[in-house]
Amino acid sequence: VQLQASGGGLVQAGGSLTLSCAASGGTFEMYTMGWFRQAPGKEREFVGALVWSDRYTSFADSVKGRFTISRDNGKNTVYLQMNSLKPEDTAVYYCVARQGSILTITSRYPYWGQGTLVTVSS
């Protein structure tokens, strides 16, 4: 499984940004796909994830109500829509995938894309 993330950039606080993660090399009906992030000097943390089969989503408390995740089945792509961005959302965002249900632990995701940097200016 290969994951290709894109869409990072610089945005002002209060703005919006959408990240994309294109997946290849597998069939994803039994997968969970999601996002982690790592801010400078901090540990990598769970952001949110989506169960491919039923589109069930789960988010970290810090982004709940501001971030959403959706998928495009035909493109094997998952999107992280980020609204009302805050400076503390600044981080490198990583697309991840695993077979099975949503978990929030980094070690339970065997597939990782390259990171994409999101910078939110105040």
PDB file of N, CA and C in Angstrom:
ATOM      1  N   VAL A   1       0.841  -1.182   0.000  1.00  0.00           N
ATOM      2  CA  VAL A   1       0.000   0.000   0.000  1.00  0.00           C
ATOM      3  C   VAL A   1       0.881   1.238   0.000  1.00  0.00           C
ATOM      4  N   GLN A   2       0.572   2.146  -0.900  1.00  0.00           N
ATOM      5  CA  GLN A   2       1.302   3.411  -0.969  1.00  0.00           C
ATOM      6  C   GLN A   2       0.311   4.553  -0.760  1.00  0.00           C
ATOM      7  N   LEU A   3       0.764   5.534  -0.002  1.00  0.00           N
ATOM      8  CA  LEU A   3      -0.072   6.694   0.296  1.00  0.00           C
ATOM      9  C   LEU A   3       0.657   7.949  -0.138  1.00  0.00           C
ATOM     10  N   GLN A   4      -0.049   8.812  -0.844  1.00  0.00           N
ATOM     11  CA  GLN A   4       0.540  10.056  -1.333  1.00  0.00           C
ATOM     12  C   GLN A   4      -0.298  11.211  -0.823  1.00  0.00           C
ATOM     13  N   ALA A   5       0.272  11.972   0.095  1.00  0.00           N
ATOM     14  CA  ALA A   5      -0.434  13.105   0.680  1.00  0.00           C
ATOM     15  C   ALA A   5      -0.074  14.391  -0.051  1.00  0.00           C
ATOM     16  N   SER A   6      -1.039  15.293  -0.085  1.00  0.00           N
ATOM     17  CA  SER A   6      -0.798  16.589  -0.710  1.00  0.00           C
ATOM     18  C   SER A   6      -1.766  17.609  -0.131  1.00  0.00           C
ATOM     19  N   GLY A   7      -1.486  18.884  -0.421  1.00  0.00           N
ATOM     20  CA  GLY A   7      -2.424  19.928  -0.050  1.00  0.00           C
ATOM     21  C   GLY A   7      -1.997  20.845   1.077  1.00  0.00           C
ATOM     22  N   GLY A   8      -0.851  20.594   1.665  1.00  0.00           N
ATOM     23  CA  GLY A   8      -0.400  21.460   2.739  1.00  0.00           C
ATOM     24  C   GLY A   8      -0.044  22.849   2.231  1.00  0.00           C
ATOM     25  N   GLY A   9       0.136  23.775   3.169  1.00  0.00           N
ATOM     26  CA  GLY A   9       0.501  25.126   2.798  1.00  0.00           C
ATOM     27  C   GLY A   9       0.367  26.080   3.958  1.00  0.00           C
ATOM     28  N   LEU A  10       0.412  27.340   3.630  1.00  0.00           N
ATOM     29  CA  LEU A  10       0.321  28.414   4.620  1.00  0.00           C
ATOM     30  C   LEU A  10      -1.073  29.020   4.566  1.00  0.00           C
ATOM     31  N   VAL A  11      -1.695  29.171   5.721  1.00  0.00           N
ATOM     32  CA  VAL A  11      -3.039  29.734   5.795  1.00  0.00           C
ATOM     33  C   VAL A  11      -3.129  30.589   7.047  1.00  0.00           C
ATOM     34  N   GLN A  12      -3.954  31.594   6.992  1.00  0.00           N
ATOM     35  CA  GLN A  12      -4.161  32.453   8.158  1.00  0.00           C
ATOM     36  C   GLN A  12      -5.112  31.786   9.148  1.00  0.00           C
ATOM     37  N   ALA A  13      -4.964  32.152  10.393  1.00  0.00           N
ATOM     38  CA  ALA A  13      -5.869  31.649  11.425  1.00  0.00           C
ATOM     39  C   ALA A  13      -7.314  31.959  11.046  1.00  0.00           C
ATOM     40  N   GLY A  14      -8.164  30.975  11.251  1.00  0.00           N
ATOM     41  CA  GLY A  14      -9.562  31.112  10.867  1.00  0.00           C
ATOM     42  C   GLY A  14      -9.854  30.612   9.474  1.00  0.00           C
ATOM     43  N   GLY A  15      -8.822  30.351   8.721  1.00  0.00           N
ATOM     44  CA  GLY A  15      -8.991  29.890   7.358  1.00  0.00           C
ATOM     45  C   GLY A  15      -9.202  28.392   7.257  1.00  0.00           C
ATOM     46  N   SER A  16      -9.244  27.923   6.015  1.00  0.00           N
ATOM     47  CA  SER A  16      -9.505  26.509   5.739  1.00  0.00           C
ATOM     48  C   SER A  16      -8.468  25.953   4.784  1.00  0.00           C
ATOM     49  N   LEU A  17      -8.308  24.648   4.848  1.00  0.00           N
ATOM     50  CA  LEU A  17      -7.368  23.953   3.980  1.00  0.00           C
ATOM     51  C   LEU A  17      -7.848  22.518   3.850  1.00  0.00           C
ATOM     52  N   THR A  18      -7.629  21.929   2.678  1.00  0.00           N
ATOM     53  CA  THR A  18      -7.994  20.530   2.470  1.00  0.00           C
ATOM     54  C   THR A  18      -6.769  19.728   2.089  1.00  0.00           C
ATOM     55  N   LEU A  19      -6.520  18.672   2.828  1.00  0.00           N
ATOM     56  CA  LEU A  19      -5.456  17.739   2.503  1.00  0.00           C
ATOM     57  C   LEU A  19      -6.043  16.538   1.782  1.00  0.00           C
ATOM     58  N   SER A  20      -5.269  15.994   0.856  1.00  0.00           N
ATOM     59  CA  SER A  20      -5.676  14.799   0.118  1.00  0.00           C
ATOM     60  C   SER A  20      -4.683  13.677   0.366  1.00  0.00           C
ATOM     61  N   CYS A  21      -5.186  12.467   0.333  1.00  0.00           N
ATOM     62  CA  CYS A  21      -4.333  11.291   0.463  1.00  0.00           C
ATOM     63  C   CYS A  21      -4.791  10.266  -0.567  1.00  0.00           C
ATOM     64  N   ALA A  22      -3.980  10.068  -1.585  1.00  0.00           N
ATOM     65  CA  ALA A  22      -4.285   9.098  -2.630  1.00  0.00           C
ATOM     66  C   ALA A  22      -3.634   7.763  -2.283  1.00  0.00           C
ATOM     67  N   ALA A  23      -4.434   6.715  -2.270  1.00  0.00           N
ATOM     68  CA  ALA A  23      -3.954   5.389  -1.900  1.00  0.00           C
ATOM     69  C   ALA A  23      -3.879   4.494  -3.127  1.00  0.00           C
ATOM     70  N   SER A  24      -2.891   3.615  -3.125  1.00  0.00           N
ATOM     71  CA  SER A  24      -2.744   2.663  -4.217  1.00  0.00           C
ATOM     72  C   SER A  24      -2.134   1.387  -3.677  1.00  0.00           C
ATOM     73  N   GLY A  25      -2.231   0.333  -4.478  1.00  0.00           N
ATOM     74  CA  GLY A  25      -1.591  -0.917  -4.107  1.00  0.00           C
ATOM     75  C   GLY A  25      -2.420  -1.837  -3.256  1.00  0.00           C
ATOM     76  N   GLY A  26      -3.703  -1.582  -3.183  1.00  0.00           N
ATOM     77  CA  GLY A  26      -4.551  -2.452  -2.391  1.00  0.00           C
ATOM     78  C   GLY A  26      -6.014  -2.182  -2.675  1.00  0.00           C
ATOM     79  N   THR A  27      -6.853  -2.972  -2.043  1.00  0.00           N
ATOM     80  CA  THR A  27      -8.295  -2.708  -2.066  1.00  0.00           C
ATOM     81  C   THR A  27      -8.678  -2.296  -0.653  1.00  0.00           C
ATOM     82  N   PHE A  28      -9.431  -1.236  -0.539  1.00  0.00           N
ATOM     83  CA  PHE A  28      -9.498  -0.532   0.740  1.00  0.00           C
ATOM     84  C   PHE A  28     -10.811  -0.681   1.485  1.00  0.00           C
ATOM     85  N   GLU A  29     -11.653  -1.618   1.026  1.00  0.00           N
ATOM     86  CA  GLU A  29     -12.949  -1.767   1.685  1.00  0.00           C
ATOM     87  C   GLU A  29     -12.823  -2.154   3.151  1.00  0.00           C
ATOM     88  N   MET A  30     -11.740  -2.838   3.511  1.00  0.00           N
ATOM     89  CA  MET A  30     -11.556  -3.279   4.889  1.00  0.00           C
ATOM     90  C   MET A  30     -10.566  -2.400   5.649  1.00  0.00           C
ATOM     91  N   TYR A  31     -10.270  -1.242   5.106  1.00  0.00           N
ATOM     92  CA  TYR A  31      -9.256  -0.375   5.700  1.00  0.00           C
ATOM     93  C   TYR A  31      -9.857   0.787   6.463  1.00  0.00           C
ATOM     94  N   THR A  32      -9.073   1.248   7.393  1.00  0.00           N
ATOM     95  CA  THR A  32      -9.260   2.557   8.004  1.00  0.00           C
ATOM     96  C   THR A  32      -8.160   3.458   7.478  1.00  0.00           C
ATOM     97  N   MET A  33      -8.530   4.679   7.099  1.00  0.00           N
ATOM     98  CA  MET A  33      -7.536   5.638   6.641  1.00  0.00           C
ATOM     99  C   MET A  33      -7.705   6.917   7.440  1.00  0.00           C
ATOM    100  N   GLY A  34      -6.594   7.549   7.739  1.00  0.00           N
ATOM    101  CA  GLY A  34      -6.701   8.733   8.576  1.00  0.00           C
ATOM    102  C   GLY A  34      -5.476   9.600   8.542  1.00  0.00           C
ATOM    103  N   TRP A  35      -5.361  10.426   9.579  1.00  0.00           N
ATOM    104  CA  TRP A  35      -4.294  11.418   9.644  1.00  0.00           C
ATOM    105  C   TRP A  35      -3.740  11.530  11.055  1.00  0.00           C
ATOM    106  N   PHE A  36      -2.430  11.639  11.111  1.00  0.00           N
ATOM    107  CA  PHE A  36      -1.722  12.034  12.318  1.00  0.00           C
ATOM    108  C   PHE A  36      -1.004  13.338  12.009  1.00  0.00           C
ATOM    109  N   ARG A  37      -0.564  14.005  13.044  1.00  0.00           N
ATOM    110  CA  ARG A  37       0.234  15.215  12.840  1.00  0.00           C
ATOM    111  C   ARG A  37       1.322  15.314  13.891  1.00  0.00           C
ATOM    112  N   GLN A  38       2.367  16.047  13.531  1.00  0.00           N
ATOM    113  CA  GLN A  38       3.471  16.262  14.461  1.00  0.00           C
ATOM    114  C   GLN A  38       3.900  17.709  14.391  1.00  0.00           C
ATOM    115  N   ALA A  39       3.710  18.400  15.498  1.00  0.00           N
ATOM    116  CA  ALA A  39       4.126  19.788  15.606  1.00  0.00           C
ATOM    117  C   ALA A  39       5.587  19.845  16.052  1.00  0.00           C
ATOM    118  N   PRO A  40       6.266  20.947  15.786  1.00  0.00           N
ATOM    119  CA  PRO A  40       7.669  21.063  16.191  1.00  0.00           C
ATOM    120  C   PRO A  40       7.850  20.823  17.685  1.00  0.00           C
ATOM    121  N   GLY A  41       8.755  19.919  18.025  1.00  0.00           N
ATOM    122  CA  GLY A  41       9.050  19.646  19.418  1.00  0.00           C
ATOM    123  C   GLY A  41       8.023  18.801  20.144  1.00  0.00           C
ATOM    124  N   LYS A  42       7.055  18.297  19.414  1.00  0.00           N
ATOM    125  CA  LYS A  42       6.006  17.502  20.052  1.00  0.00           C
ATOM    126  C   LYS A  42       5.946  16.107  19.454  1.00  0.00           C
ATOM    127  N   GLU A  43       5.263  15.227  20.152  1.00  0.00           N
ATOM    128  CA  GLU A  43       5.085  13.879  19.646  1.00  0.00           C
ATOM    129  C   GLU A  43       3.985  13.844  18.577  1.00  0.00           C
ATOM    130  N   ARG A  44       4.077  12.814  17.762  1.00  0.00           N
ATOM    131  CA  ARG A  44       3.061  12.621  16.743  1.00  0.00           C
ATOM    132  C   ARG A  44       1.735  12.286  17.415  1.00  0.00           C
ATOM    133  N   GLU A  45       0.637  12.882  16.909  1.00  0.00           N
ATOM    134  CA  GLU A  45      -0.654  12.659  17.546  1.00  0.00           C
ATOM    135  C   GLU A  45      -1.723  12.359  16.509  1.00  0.00           C
ATOM    136  N   PHE A  46      -2.713  11.611  16.958  1.00  0.00           N
ATOM    137  CA  PHE A  46      -3.858  11.258  16.128  1.00  0.00           C
ATOM    138  C   PHE A  46      -4.710  12.489  15.867  1.00  0.00           C
ATOM    139  N   VAL A  47      -5.142  12.636  14.600  1.00  0.00           N
ATOM    140  CA  VAL A  47      -6.036  13.733  14.230  1.00  0.00           C
ATOM    141  C   VAL A  47      -7.443  13.205  13.987  1.00  0.00           C
ATOM    142  N   GLY A  48      -7.567  12.262  13.097  1.00  0.00           N
ATOM    143  CA  GLY A  48      -8.865  11.691  12.777  1.00  0.00           C
ATOM    144  C   GLY A  48      -8.709  10.575  11.774  1.00  0.00           C
ATOM    145  N   ALA A  49      -9.770   9.786  11.628  1.00  0.00           N
ATOM    146  CA  ALA A  49      -9.728   8.667  10.698  1.00  0.00           C
ATOM    147  C   ALA A  49     -11.127   8.315  10.233  1.00  0.00           C
ATOM    148  N   LEU A  50     -11.161   7.567   9.134  1.00  0.00           N
ATOM    149  CA  LEU A  50     -12.418   7.161   8.504  1.00  0.00           C
ATOM    150  C   LEU A  50     -12.367   5.672   8.194  1.00  0.00           C
ATOM    151  N   VAL A  51     -13.433   4.970   8.514  1.00  0.00           N
ATOM    152  CA  VAL A  51     -13.556   3.572   8.125  1.00  0.00           C
ATOM    153  C   VAL A  51     -14.096   3.532   6.706  1.00  0.00           C
ATOM    154  N   TRP A  52     -13.322   2.941   5.800  1.00  0.00           N
ATOM    155  CA  TRP A  52     -13.661   3.027   4.387  1.00  0.00           C
ATOM    156  C   TRP A  52     -15.039   2.448   4.091  1.00  0.00           C
ATOM    157  N   SER A  53     -15.378   1.341   4.698  1.00  0.00           N
ATOM    158  CA  SER A  53     -16.587   0.618   4.309  1.00  0.00           C
ATOM    159  C   SER A  53     -17.866   1.374   4.648  1.00  0.00           C
ATOM    160  N   ASP A  54     -17.916   2.020   5.809  1.00  0.00           N
ATOM    161  CA  ASP A  54     -19.156   2.666   6.226  1.00  0.00           C
ATOM    162  C   ASP A  54     -19.018   4.157   6.482  1.00  0.00           C
ATOM    163  N   ARG A  55     -17.836   4.688   6.207  1.00  0.00           N
ATOM    164  CA  ARG A  55     -17.552   6.121   6.339  1.00  0.00           C
ATOM    165  C   ARG A  55     -17.660   6.615   7.778  1.00  0.00           C
ATOM    166  N   TYR A  56     -17.615   5.711   8.728  1.00  0.00           N
ATOM    167  CA  TYR A  56     -17.599   6.134  10.125  1.00  0.00           C
ATOM    168  C   TYR A  56     -16.319   6.909  10.381  1.00  0.00           C
ATOM    169  N   THR A  57     -16.425   8.024  11.113  1.00  0.00           N
ATOM    170  CA  THR A  57     -15.237   8.831  11.408  1.00  0.00           C
ATOM    171  C   THR A  57     -15.082   9.058  12.904  1.00  0.00           C
ATOM    172  N   SER A  58     -13.851   9.323  13.277  1.00  0.00           N
ATOM    173  CA  SER A  58     -13.537   9.648  14.661  1.00  0.00           C
ATOM    174  C   SER A  58     -12.430  10.686  14.655  1.00  0.00           C
ATOM    175  N   PHE A  59     -12.495  11.629  15.612  1.00  0.00           N
ATOM    176  CA  PHE A  59     -11.543  12.726  15.639  1.00  0.00           C
ATOM    177  C   PHE A  59     -11.010  12.959  17.040  1.00  0.00           C
ATOM    178  N   ALA A  60      -9.828  13.522  17.096  1.00  0.00           N
ATOM    179  CA  ALA A  60      -9.285  13.982  18.360  1.00  0.00           C
ATOM    180  C   ALA A  60     -10.125  15.147  18.873  1.00  0.00           C
ATOM    181  N   ASP A  61     -10.193  15.275  20.166  1.00  0.00           N
ATOM    182  CA  ASP A  61     -10.983  16.354  20.767  1.00  0.00           C
ATOM    183  C   ASP A  61     -10.523  17.726  20.287  1.00  0.00           C
ATOM    184  N   SER A  62      -9.234  17.859  20.029  1.00  0.00           N
ATOM    185  CA  SER A  62      -8.671  19.156  19.661  1.00  0.00           C
ATOM    186  C   SER A  62      -9.149  19.657  18.304  1.00  0.00           C
ATOM    187  N   VAL A  63      -9.661  18.749  17.464  1.00  0.00           N
ATOM    188  CA  VAL A  63     -10.103  19.156  16.125  1.00  0.00           C
ATOM    189  C   VAL A  63     -11.574  18.876  15.884  1.00  0.00           C
ATOM    190  N   LYS A  64     -12.220  18.233  16.832  1.00  0.00           N
ATOM    191  CA  LYS A  64     -13.621  17.861  16.668  1.00  0.00           C
ATOM    192  C   LYS A  64     -14.469  19.103  16.423  1.00  0.00           C
ATOM    193  N   GLY A  65     -15.344  19.022  15.423  1.00  0.00           N
ATOM    194  CA  GLY A  65     -16.183  20.151  15.070  1.00  0.00           C
ATOM    195  C   GLY A  65     -15.547  21.097  14.071  1.00  0.00           C
ATOM    196  N   ARG A  66     -14.261  20.969  13.853  1.00  0.00           N
ATOM    197  CA  ARG A  66     -13.568  21.833  12.882  1.00  0.00           C
ATOM    198  C   ARG A  66     -13.058  21.043  11.677  1.00  0.00           C
ATOM    199  N   PHE A  67     -12.687  19.799  11.884  1.00  0.00           N
ATOM    200  CA  PHE A  67     -12.128  18.958  10.822  1.00  0.00           C
ATOM    201  C   PHE A  67     -13.138  17.878  10.431  1.00  0.00           C
ATOM    202  N   THR A  68     -13.159  17.556   9.160  1.00  0.00           N
ATOM    203  CA  THR A  68     -13.959  16.427   8.683  1.00  0.00           C
ATOM    204  C   THR A  68     -13.112  15.592   7.725  1.00  0.00           C
ATOM    205  N   ILE A  69     -13.488  14.333   7.589  1.00  0.00           N
ATOM    206  CA  ILE A  69     -12.813  13.424   6.667  1.00  0.00           C
ATOM    207  C   ILE A  69     -13.860  12.815   5.745  1.00  0.00           C
ATOM    208  N   SER A  70     -13.524  12.765   4.472  1.00  0.00           N
ATOM    209  CA  SER A  70     -14.395  12.130   3.498  1.00  0.00           C
ATOM    210  C   SER A  70     -13.547  11.312   2.544  1.00  0.00           C
ATOM    211  N   ARG A  71     -14.219  10.531   1.707  1.00  0.00           N
ATOM    212  CA  ARG A  71     -13.478   9.704   0.749  1.00  0.00           C
ATOM    213  C   ARG A  71     -14.143   9.754  -0.609  1.00  0.00           C
ATOM    214  N   ASP A  72     -13.325   9.503  -1.615  1.00  0.00           N
ATOM    215  CA  ASP A  72     -13.794   9.333  -2.987  1.00  0.00           C
ATOM    216  C   ASP A  72     -13.423   7.933  -3.402  1.00  0.00           C
ATOM    217  N   ASN A  73     -14.407   7.057  -3.475  1.00  0.00           N
ATOM    218  CA  ASN A  73     -14.138   5.651  -3.736  1.00  0.00           C
ATOM    219  C   ASN A  73     -13.479   5.434  -5.091  1.00  0.00           C
ATOM    220  N   GLY A  74     -13.932   6.164  -6.086  1.00  0.00           N
ATOM    221  CA  GLY A  74     -13.408   5.989  -7.438  1.00  0.00           C
ATOM    222  C   GLY A  74     -11.950   6.394  -7.568  1.00  0.00           C
ATOM    223  N   LYS A  75     -11.532   7.325  -6.736  1.00  0.00           N
ATOM    224  CA  LYS A  75     -10.162   7.821  -6.796  1.00  0.00           C
ATOM    225  C   LYS A  75      -9.286   7.226  -5.700  1.00  0.00           C
ATOM    226  N   ASN A  76      -9.868   6.368  -4.849  1.00  0.00           N
ATOM    227  CA  ASN A  76      -9.113   5.828  -3.713  1.00  0.00           C
ATOM    228  C   ASN A  76      -8.415   6.949  -2.943  1.00  0.00           C
ATOM    229  N   THR A  77      -9.144   8.001  -2.699  1.00  0.00           N
ATOM    230  CA  THR A  77      -8.579   9.187  -2.064  1.00  0.00           C
ATOM    231  C   THR A  77      -9.403   9.592  -0.847  1.00  0.00           C
ATOM    232  N   VAL A  78      -8.689   9.977   0.187  1.00  0.00           N
ATOM    233  CA  VAL A  78      -9.303  10.467   1.413  1.00  0.00           C
ATOM    234  C   VAL A  78      -8.939  11.935   1.567  1.00  0.00           C
ATOM    235  N   TYR A  79      -9.891  12.711   2.066  1.00  0.00           N
ATOM    236  CA  TYR A  79      -9.688  14.151   2.205  1.00  0.00           C
ATOM    237  C   TYR A  79      -9.849  14.558   3.675  1.00  0.00           C
ATOM    238  N   LEU A  80      -8.968  15.418   4.124  1.00  0.00           N
ATOM    239  CA  LEU A  80      -9.093  16.016   5.445  1.00  0.00           C
ATOM    240  C   LEU A  80      -9.426  17.487   5.243  1.00  0.00           C
ATOM    241  N   GLN A  81     -10.668  17.849   5.519  1.00  0.00           N
ATOM    242  CA  GLN A  81     -11.105  19.232   5.415  1.00  0.00           C
ATOM    243  C   GLN A  81     -10.900  19.900   6.770  1.00  0.00           C
ATOM    244  N   MET A  82     -10.084  20.942   6.769  1.00  0.00           N
ATOM    245  CA  MET A  82      -9.744  21.616   8.012  1.00  0.00           C
ATOM    246  C   MET A  82     -10.301  23.034   7.973  1.00  0.00           C
ATOM    247  N   ASN A  83     -11.194  23.332   8.891  1.00  0.00           N
ATOM    248  CA  ASN A  83     -11.811  24.657   8.977  1.00  0.00           C
ATOM    249  C   ASN A  83     -11.439  25.320  10.302  1.00  0.00           C
ATOM    250  N   SER A  84     -11.655  26.616  10.349  1.00  0.00           N
ATOM    251  CA  SER A  84     -11.377  27.390  11.574  1.00  0.00           C
ATOM    252  C   SER A  84      -9.999  27.063  12.123  1.00  0.00           C
ATOM    253  N   LEU A  85      -9.028  27.090  11.257  1.00  0.00           N
ATOM    254  CA  LEU A  85      -7.672  26.692  11.651  1.00  0.00           C
ATOM    255  C   LEU A  85      -7.093  27.639  12.687  1.00  0.00           C
ATOM    256  N   LYS A  86      -6.292  27.064  13.565  1.00  0.00           N
ATOM    257  CA  LYS A  86      -5.648  27.804  14.648  1.00  0.00           C
ATOM    258  C   LYS A  86      -4.135  27.649  14.511  1.00  0.00           C
ATOM    259  N   PRO A  87      -3.378  28.581  15.059  1.00  0.00           N
ATOM    260  CA  PRO A  87      -1.913  28.437  15.004  1.00  0.00           C
ATOM    261  C   PRO A  87      -1.436  27.115  15.592  1.00  0.00           C
ATOM    262  N   GLU A  88      -2.137  26.599  16.582  1.00  0.00           N
ATOM    263  CA  GLU A  88      -1.730  25.329  17.187  1.00  0.00           C
ATOM    264  C   GLU A  88      -2.001  24.128  16.291  1.00  0.00           C
ATOM    265  N   ASP A  89      -2.659  24.341  15.157  1.00  0.00           N
ATOM    266  CA  ASP A  89      -2.816  23.275  14.167  1.00  0.00           C
ATOM    267  C   ASP A  89      -1.583  23.148  13.278  1.00  0.00           C
ATOM    268  N   THR A  90      -0.645  24.057  13.418  1.00  0.00           N
ATOM    269  CA  THR A  90       0.583  23.997  12.626  1.00  0.00           C
ATOM    270  C   THR A  90       1.335  22.707  12.927  1.00  0.00           C
ATOM    271  N   ALA A  91       1.609  21.953  11.871  1.00  0.00           N
ATOM    272  CA  ALA A  91       2.261  20.646  12.045  1.00  0.00           C
ATOM    273  C   ALA A  91       2.514  20.032  10.671  1.00  0.00           C
ATOM    274  N   VAL A  92       3.303  18.982  10.688  1.00  0.00           N
ATOM    275  CA  VAL A  92       3.397  18.105   9.521  1.00  0.00           C
ATOM    276  C   VAL A  92       2.295  17.064   9.660  1.00  0.00           C
ATOM    277  N   TYR A  93       1.475  16.951   8.652  1.00  0.00           N
ATOM    278  CA  TYR A  93       0.346  16.025   8.657  1.00  0.00           C
ATOM    279  C   TYR A  93       0.693  14.792   7.832  1.00  0.00           C
ATOM    280  N   TYR A  94       0.419  13.621   8.418  1.00  0.00           N
ATOM    281  CA  TYR A  94       0.726  12.351   7.781  1.00  0.00           C
ATOM    282  C   TYR A  94      -0.553  11.571   7.523  1.00  0.00           C
ATOM    283  N   CYS A  95      -0.662  11.055   6.324  1.00  0.00           N
ATOM    284  CA  CYS A  95      -1.752  10.156   5.973  1.00  0.00           C
ATOM    285  C   CYS A  95      -1.366   8.737   6.392  1.00  0.00           C
ATOM    286  N   VAL A  96      -2.325   8.002   6.946  1.00  0.00           N
ATOM    287  CA  VAL A  96      -2.038   6.649   7.432  1.00  0.00           C
ATOM    288  C   VAL A  96      -3.145   5.694   7.020  1.00  0.00           C
ATOM    289  N   ALA A  97      -2.828   4.409   7.074  1.00  0.00           N
ATOM    290  CA  ALA A  97      -3.828   3.390   6.765  1.00  0.00           C
ATOM    291  C   ALA A  97      -3.527   2.111   7.541  1.00  0.00           C
ATOM    292  N   ARG A  98      -4.608   1.402   7.841  1.00  0.00           N
ATOM    293  CA  ARG A  98      -4.477   0.105   8.497  1.00  0.00           C
ATOM    294  C   ARG A  98      -5.701  -0.722   8.141  1.00  0.00           C
ATOM    295  N   GLN A  99      -5.576  -2.003   8.238  1.00  0.00           N
ATOM    296  CA  GLN A  99      -6.725  -2.880   8.090  1.00  0.00           C
ATOM    297  C   GLN A  99      -7.411  -2.969   9.434  1.00  0.00           C
ATOM    298  N   GLY A 100      -8.731  -2.786   9.419  1.00  0.00           N
ATOM    299  CA  GLY A 100      -9.471  -2.885  10.665  1.00  0.00           C
ATOM    300  C   GLY A 100     -10.009  -1.556  11.123  1.00  0.00           C
ATOM    301  N   SER A 101     -10.341  -1.495  12.395  1.00  0.00           N
ATOM    302  CA  SER A 101     -11.052  -0.353  12.965  1.00  0.00           C
ATOM    303  C   SER A 101     -10.118   0.809  13.279  1.00  0.00           C
ATOM    304  N   ILE A 102     -10.731   1.916  13.663  1.00  0.00           N
ATOM    305  CA  ILE A 102      -9.962   3.112  13.998  1.00  0.00           C
ATOM    306  C   ILE A 102      -9.248   2.921  15.324  1.00  0.00           C
ATOM    307  N   LEU A 103      -7.952   3.196  15.309  1.00  0.00           N
ATOM    308  CA  LEU A 103      -7.157   3.243  16.532  1.00  0.00           C
ATOM    309  C   LEU A 103      -6.408   4.561  16.538  1.00  0.00           C
ATOM    310  N   THR A 104      -6.000   4.988  17.722  1.00  0.00           N
ATOM    311  CA  THR A 104      -5.346   6.297  17.831  1.00  0.00           C
ATOM    312  C   THR A 104      -3.862   6.194  18.120  1.00  0.00           C
ATOM    313  N   ILE A 105      -3.308   4.995  18.034  1.00  0.00           N
ATOM    314  CA  ILE A 105      -1.900   4.771  18.365  1.00  0.00           C
ATOM    315  C   ILE A 105      -1.095   4.679  17.090  1.00  0.00           C
ATOM    316  N   THR A 106       0.001   5.417  17.029  1.00  0.00           N
ATOM    317  CA  THR A 106       0.793   5.470  15.802  1.00  0.00           C
ATOM    318  C   THR A 106       1.300   4.090  15.378  1.00  0.00           C
ATOM    319  N   SER A 107       1.696   3.278  16.324  1.00  0.00           N
ATOM    320  CA  SER A 107       2.308   1.985  15.995  1.00  0.00           C
ATOM    321  C   SER A 107       1.320   1.001  15.381  1.00  0.00           C
ATOM    322  N   ARG A 108       0.034   1.274  15.457  1.00  0.00           N
ATOM    323  CA  ARG A 108      -0.970   0.382  14.895  1.00  0.00           C
ATOM    324  C   ARG A 108      -1.287   0.677  13.446  1.00  0.00           C
ATOM    325  N   TYR A 109      -0.603   1.639  12.879  1.00  0.00           N
ATOM    326  CA  TYR A 109      -0.796   1.984  11.476  1.00  0.00           C
ATOM    327  C   TYR A 109       0.483   1.609  10.719  1.00  0.00           C
ATOM    328  N   PRO A 110       0.425   0.551   9.912  1.00  0.00           N
ATOM    329  CA  PRO A 110       1.627   0.107   9.205  1.00  0.00           C
ATOM    330  C   PRO A 110       1.952   0.911   7.949  1.00  0.00           C
ATOM    331  N   TYR A 111       0.970   1.645   7.449  1.00  0.00           N
ATOM    332  CA  TYR A 111       1.176   2.368   6.191  1.00  0.00           C
ATOM    333  C   TYR A 111       1.127   3.877   6.446  1.00  0.00           C
ATOM    334  N   TRP A 112       2.173   4.542   5.981  1.00  0.00           N
ATOM    335  CA  TRP A 112       2.302   5.986   6.180  1.00  0.00           C
ATOM    336  C   TRP A 112       2.687   6.652   4.869  1.00  0.00           C
ATOM    337  N   GLY A 113       2.067   7.784   4.590  1.00  0.00           N
ATOM    338  CA  GLY A 113       2.506   8.605   3.490  1.00  0.00           C
ATOM    339  C   GLY A 113       3.569   9.583   3.951  1.00  0.00           C
ATOM    340  N   GLN A 114       4.115  10.289   2.992  1.00  0.00           N
ATOM    341  CA  GLN A 114       5.056  11.344   3.367  1.00  0.00           C
ATOM    342  C   GLN A 114       4.270  12.482   4.005  1.00  0.00           C
ATOM    343  N   GLY A 115       4.881  13.239   4.830  1.00  0.00           N
ATOM    344  CA  GLY A 115       4.188  14.327   5.506  1.00  0.00           C
ATOM    345  C   GLY A 115       3.974  15.519   4.598  1.00  0.00           C
ATOM    346  N   THR A 116       2.962  16.286   4.936  1.00  0.00           N
ATOM    347  CA  THR A 116       2.724  17.551   4.250  1.00  0.00           C
ATOM    348  C   THR A 116       2.560  18.628   5.312  1.00  0.00           C
ATOM    349  N   LEU A 117       3.270  19.733   5.133  1.00  0.00           N
ATOM    350  CA  LEU A 117       3.336  20.754   6.157  1.00  0.00           C
ATOM    351  C   LEU A 117       2.158  21.718   6.058  1.00  0.00           C
ATOM    352  N   VAL A 118       1.524  21.925   7.188  1.00  0.00           N
ATOM    353  CA  VAL A 118       0.471  22.923   7.319  1.00  0.00           C
ATOM    354  C   VAL A 118       0.945  23.979   8.311  1.00  0.00           C
ATOM    355  N   THR A 119       0.962  25.220   7.879  1.00  0.00           N
ATOM    356  CA  THR A 119       1.375  26.323   8.734  1.00  0.00           C
ATOM    357  C   THR A 119       0.230  27.310   8.850  1.00  0.00           C
ATOM    358  N   VAL A 120      -0.174  27.577  10.092  1.00  0.00           N
ATOM    359  CA  VAL A 120      -1.275  28.508  10.340  1.00  0.00           C
ATOM    360  C   VAL A 120      -0.699  29.739  11.017  1.00  0.00           C
ATOM    361  N   SER A 121      -0.806  30.856  10.356  1.00  0.00           N
ATOM    362  CA  SER A 121      -0.257  32.097  10.901  1.00  0.00           C
ATOM    363  C   SER A 121      -1.314  32.832  11.715  1.00  0.00           C
ATOM    364  N   SER A 122      -0.855  33.510  12.748  1.00  0.00           N
ATOM    365  CA  SER A 122      -1.787  34.235  13.631  1.00  0.00           C
ATOM    366  C   SER A 122      -2.003  35.661  13.151  1.00  0.00           C
TER     367      SER A 122
END
